[in-house]
Amino acid sequence: MPSNSDLCIARADECAQQAEQSVLAEVKEQFLRSERAWRGLAVRHSAQEARSARRLQDAAEAVKQSADVEG
């Protein structure tokens, strides 16, 4: 299952392709703005995903240390 950041990057890439294919300047600019927005969301989601992964790793290490102390 793709992560949220992967989905955002995919949408940004789609917007970039649509911008390339657009003939009208206003439409092209709208797609480029959308692309920037999606890439910004991807950065935020990526940071959140990294924080979540670190928390999971810290929790797993705490459980392992607890098991080592008890056992």
N, C-alpha and C. Protein backbone atom coordinates (compact mmCIF):
# COMPACT_ATOMS: atom_id res chain seq x y z
N MET A 1 0.84 -1.17 0.00
CA MET A 1 0.00 0.00 0.00
C MET A 1 0.89 1.24 0.00
N PRO A 2 0.67 2.14 -0.94
CA PRO A 2 1.52 3.34 -1.01
C PRO A 2 1.26 4.26 0.19
N SER A 3 2.31 4.95 0.59
CA SER A 3 2.18 5.89 1.69
C SER A 3 1.49 7.17 1.20
N ASN A 4 1.08 7.99 2.15
CA ASN A 4 0.45 9.26 1.78
C ASN A 4 1.41 10.14 0.97
N SER A 5 2.68 10.13 1.35
CA SER A 5 3.65 10.95 0.61
C SER A 5 3.80 10.44 -0.83
N ASP A 6 3.77 9.13 -1.00
CA ASP A 6 3.86 8.56 -2.36
C ASP A 6 2.65 8.97 -3.21
N LEU A 7 1.47 8.96 -2.59
CA LEU A 7 0.26 9.36 -3.32
C LEU A 7 0.34 10.84 -3.72
N CYS A 8 0.84 11.67 -2.82
CA CYS A 8 0.98 13.10 -3.12
C CYS A 8 1.96 13.33 -4.27
N ILE A 9 3.06 12.59 -4.24
CA ILE A 9 4.05 12.72 -5.32
C ILE A 9 3.44 12.29 -6.65
N ALA A 10 2.66 11.22 -6.62
CA ALA A 10 2.01 10.76 -7.86
C ALA A 10 1.07 11.83 -8.40
N ARG A 11 0.30 12.47 -7.52
CA ARG A 11 -0.62 13.53 -7.96
C ARG A 11 0.17 14.72 -8.50
N ALA A 12 1.28 15.05 -7.85
CA ALA A 12 2.12 16.16 -8.33
C ALA A 12 2.66 15.86 -9.72
N ASP A 13 3.09 14.63 -9.93
CA ASP A 13 3.59 14.24 -11.25
C ASP A 13 2.50 14.34 -12.31
N GLU A 14 1.28 13.94 -11.93
CA GLU A 14 0.15 14.05 -12.87
C GLU A 14 -0.11 15.51 -13.23
N CYS A 15 -0.06 16.38 -12.24
CA CYS A 15 -0.27 17.81 -12.49
C CYS A 15 0.82 18.37 -13.40
N ALA A 16 2.05 17.94 -13.19
CA ALA A 16 3.16 18.40 -14.03
C ALA A 16 2.95 17.97 -15.48
N GLN A 17 2.49 16.74 -15.66
CA GLN A 17 2.23 16.25 -17.02
C GLN A 17 1.09 17.05 -17.67
N GLN A 18 0.04 17.31 -16.89
CA GLN A 18 -1.08 18.09 -17.42
C GLN A 18 -0.63 19.50 -17.79
N ALA A 19 0.25 20.08 -16.97
CA ALA A 19 0.76 21.42 -17.27
C ALA A 19 1.53 21.42 -18.58
N GLU A 20 2.33 20.39 -18.80
CA GLU A 20 3.09 20.28 -20.05
C GLU A 20 2.17 20.20 -21.26
N GLN A 21 1.05 19.53 -21.10
CA GLN A 21 0.14 19.31 -22.22
C GLN A 21 -0.83 20.47 -22.43
N SER A 22 -0.89 21.38 -21.48
CA SER A 22 -1.85 22.48 -21.56
C SER A 22 -1.41 23.53 -22.57
N VAL A 23 -2.38 24.00 -23.32
CA VAL A 23 -2.11 25.03 -24.31
C VAL A 23 -2.38 26.41 -23.70
N LEU A 24 -3.43 26.52 -22.93
CA LEU A 24 -3.81 27.79 -22.33
C LEU A 24 -2.92 28.12 -21.14
N ALA A 25 -2.40 29.33 -21.11
CA ALA A 25 -1.48 29.75 -20.06
C ALA A 25 -2.12 29.69 -18.67
N GLU A 26 -3.40 30.08 -18.58
CA GLU A 26 -4.08 30.06 -17.28
C GLU A 26 -4.22 28.64 -16.75
N VAL A 27 -4.54 27.72 -17.63
CA VAL A 27 -4.70 26.32 -17.25
C VAL A 27 -3.35 25.74 -16.85
N LYS A 28 -2.32 26.04 -17.62
CA LYS A 28 -0.98 25.57 -17.32
C LYS A 28 -0.55 26.05 -15.93
N GLU A 29 -0.79 27.33 -15.65
CA GLU A 29 -0.40 27.89 -14.35
C GLU A 29 -1.17 27.22 -13.21
N GLN A 30 -2.43 26.92 -13.42
CA GLN A 30 -3.22 26.25 -12.39
C GLN A 30 -2.64 24.86 -12.09
N PHE A 31 -2.28 24.12 -13.13
CA PHE A 31 -1.67 22.82 -12.92
C PHE A 31 -0.33 22.95 -12.20
N LEU A 32 0.45 23.97 -12.54
CA LEU A 32 1.74 24.16 -11.88
C LEU A 32 1.55 24.52 -10.40
N ARG A 33 0.54 25.33 -10.10
CA ARG A 33 0.24 25.65 -8.69
C ARG A 33 -0.18 24.38 -7.95
N SER A 34 -1.00 23.58 -8.59
CA SER A 34 -1.43 22.32 -7.98
C SER A 34 -0.24 21.39 -7.74
N GLU A 35 0.65 21.35 -8.70
CA GLU A 35 1.84 20.51 -8.54
C GLU A 35 2.64 20.96 -7.32
N ARG A 36 2.86 22.26 -7.18
CA ARG A 36 3.61 22.77 -6.02
C ARG A 36 2.91 22.41 -4.71
N ALA A 37 1.60 22.53 -4.70
CA ALA A 37 0.83 22.21 -3.49
C ALA A 37 0.97 20.73 -3.14
N TRP A 38 0.85 19.87 -4.13
CA TRP A 38 0.98 18.43 -3.88
C TRP A 38 2.38 18.08 -3.39
N ARG A 39 3.40 18.72 -3.97
CA ARG A 39 4.77 18.44 -3.52
C ARG A 39 4.98 18.92 -2.08
N GLY A 40 4.37 20.04 -1.74
CA GLY A 40 4.44 20.51 -0.36
C GLY A 40 3.78 19.54 0.61
N LEU A 41 2.64 19.02 0.21
CA LEU A 41 1.96 18.01 1.04
C LEU A 41 2.81 16.76 1.17
N ALA A 42 3.47 16.38 0.10
CA ALA A 42 4.33 15.19 0.14
C ALA A 42 5.46 15.36 1.15
N VAL A 43 6.03 16.55 1.20
CA VAL A 43 7.11 16.82 2.15
C VAL A 43 6.58 16.70 3.58
N ARG A 44 5.42 17.28 3.83
CA ARG A 44 4.84 17.21 5.18
C ARG A 44 4.50 15.77 5.57
N HIS A 45 3.90 15.04 4.65
CA HIS A 45 3.55 13.65 4.94
C HIS A 45 4.80 12.81 5.17
N SER A 46 5.83 13.07 4.39
CA SER A 46 7.07 12.32 4.54
C SER A 46 7.67 12.55 5.93
N ALA A 47 7.66 13.80 6.39
CA ALA A 47 8.18 14.10 7.72
C ALA A 47 7.35 13.40 8.79
N GLN A 48 6.03 13.41 8.64
CA GLN A 48 5.16 12.74 9.60
C GLN A 48 5.40 11.23 9.60
N GLU A 49 5.58 10.66 8.42
CA GLU A 49 5.84 9.23 8.32
C GLU A 49 7.16 8.87 9.00
N ALA A 50 8.16 9.72 8.86
CA ALA A 50 9.46 9.48 9.51
C ALA A 50 9.31 9.55 11.02
N ARG A 51 8.55 10.53 11.53
CA ARG A 51 8.33 10.63 12.98
C ARG A 51 7.60 9.39 13.49
N SER A 52 6.60 8.94 12.76
CA SER A 52 5.85 7.75 13.17
C SER A 52 6.75 6.51 13.20
N ALA A 53 7.59 6.38 12.21
CA ALA A 53 8.50 5.24 12.16
C ALA A 53 9.47 5.26 13.34
N ARG A 54 9.96 6.46 13.68
CA ARG A 54 10.86 6.58 14.83
C ARG A 54 10.15 6.21 16.12
N ARG A 55 8.90 6.66 16.28
CA ARG A 55 8.15 6.32 17.49
C ARG A 55 7.93 4.81 17.59
N LEU A 56 7.61 4.18 16.47
CA LEU A 56 7.43 2.72 16.48
C LEU A 56 8.73 2.00 16.84
N GLN A 57 9.82 2.48 16.28
CA GLN A 57 11.11 1.88 16.58
C GLN A 57 11.46 2.06 18.05
N ASP A 58 11.24 3.26 18.59
CA ASP A 58 11.51 3.51 20.01
C ASP A 58 10.66 2.61 20.90
N ALA A 59 9.39 2.43 20.55
CA ALA A 59 8.50 1.57 21.33
C ALA A 59 8.97 0.12 21.27
N ALA A 60 9.38 -0.33 20.10
CA ALA A 60 9.87 -1.71 19.96
C ALA A 60 11.13 -1.92 20.79
N GLU A 61 12.02 -0.94 20.79
CA GLU A 61 13.24 -1.04 21.59
C GLU A 61 12.91 -1.05 23.08
N ALA A 62 11.94 -0.26 23.50
CA ALA A 62 11.53 -0.23 24.91
C ALA A 62 10.97 -1.57 25.33
N VAL A 63 10.16 -2.19 24.47
CA VAL A 63 9.60 -3.50 24.78
C VAL A 63 10.73 -4.53 24.89
N LYS A 64 11.68 -4.47 23.98
CA LYS A 64 12.80 -5.41 23.99
C LYS A 64 13.63 -5.23 25.26
N GLN A 65 13.90 -3.99 25.65
CA GLN A 65 14.67 -3.74 26.86
C GLN A 65 13.92 -4.23 28.09
N SER A 66 12.62 -4.02 28.11
CA SER A 66 11.80 -4.49 29.22
C SER A 66 11.84 -6.02 29.31
N ALA A 67 11.77 -6.67 28.17
CA ALA A 67 11.82 -8.14 28.15
C ALA A 67 13.19 -8.64 28.61
N ASP A 68 14.25 -7.92 28.22
CA ASP A 68 15.60 -8.31 28.63
C ASP A 68 15.79 -8.18 30.15
N VAL A 69 15.19 -7.15 30.74
CA VAL A 69 15.30 -6.91 32.17
C VAL A 69 14.53 -7.98 32.94
N GLU A 70 13.36 -8.34 32.43
CA GLU A 70 12.51 -9.31 33.11
C GLU A 70 12.99 -10.74 32.94
N GLY A 71 13.66 -10.98 31.87
CA GLY A 71 13.86 -12.36 31.56
C GLY A 71 15.19 -12.90 31.51
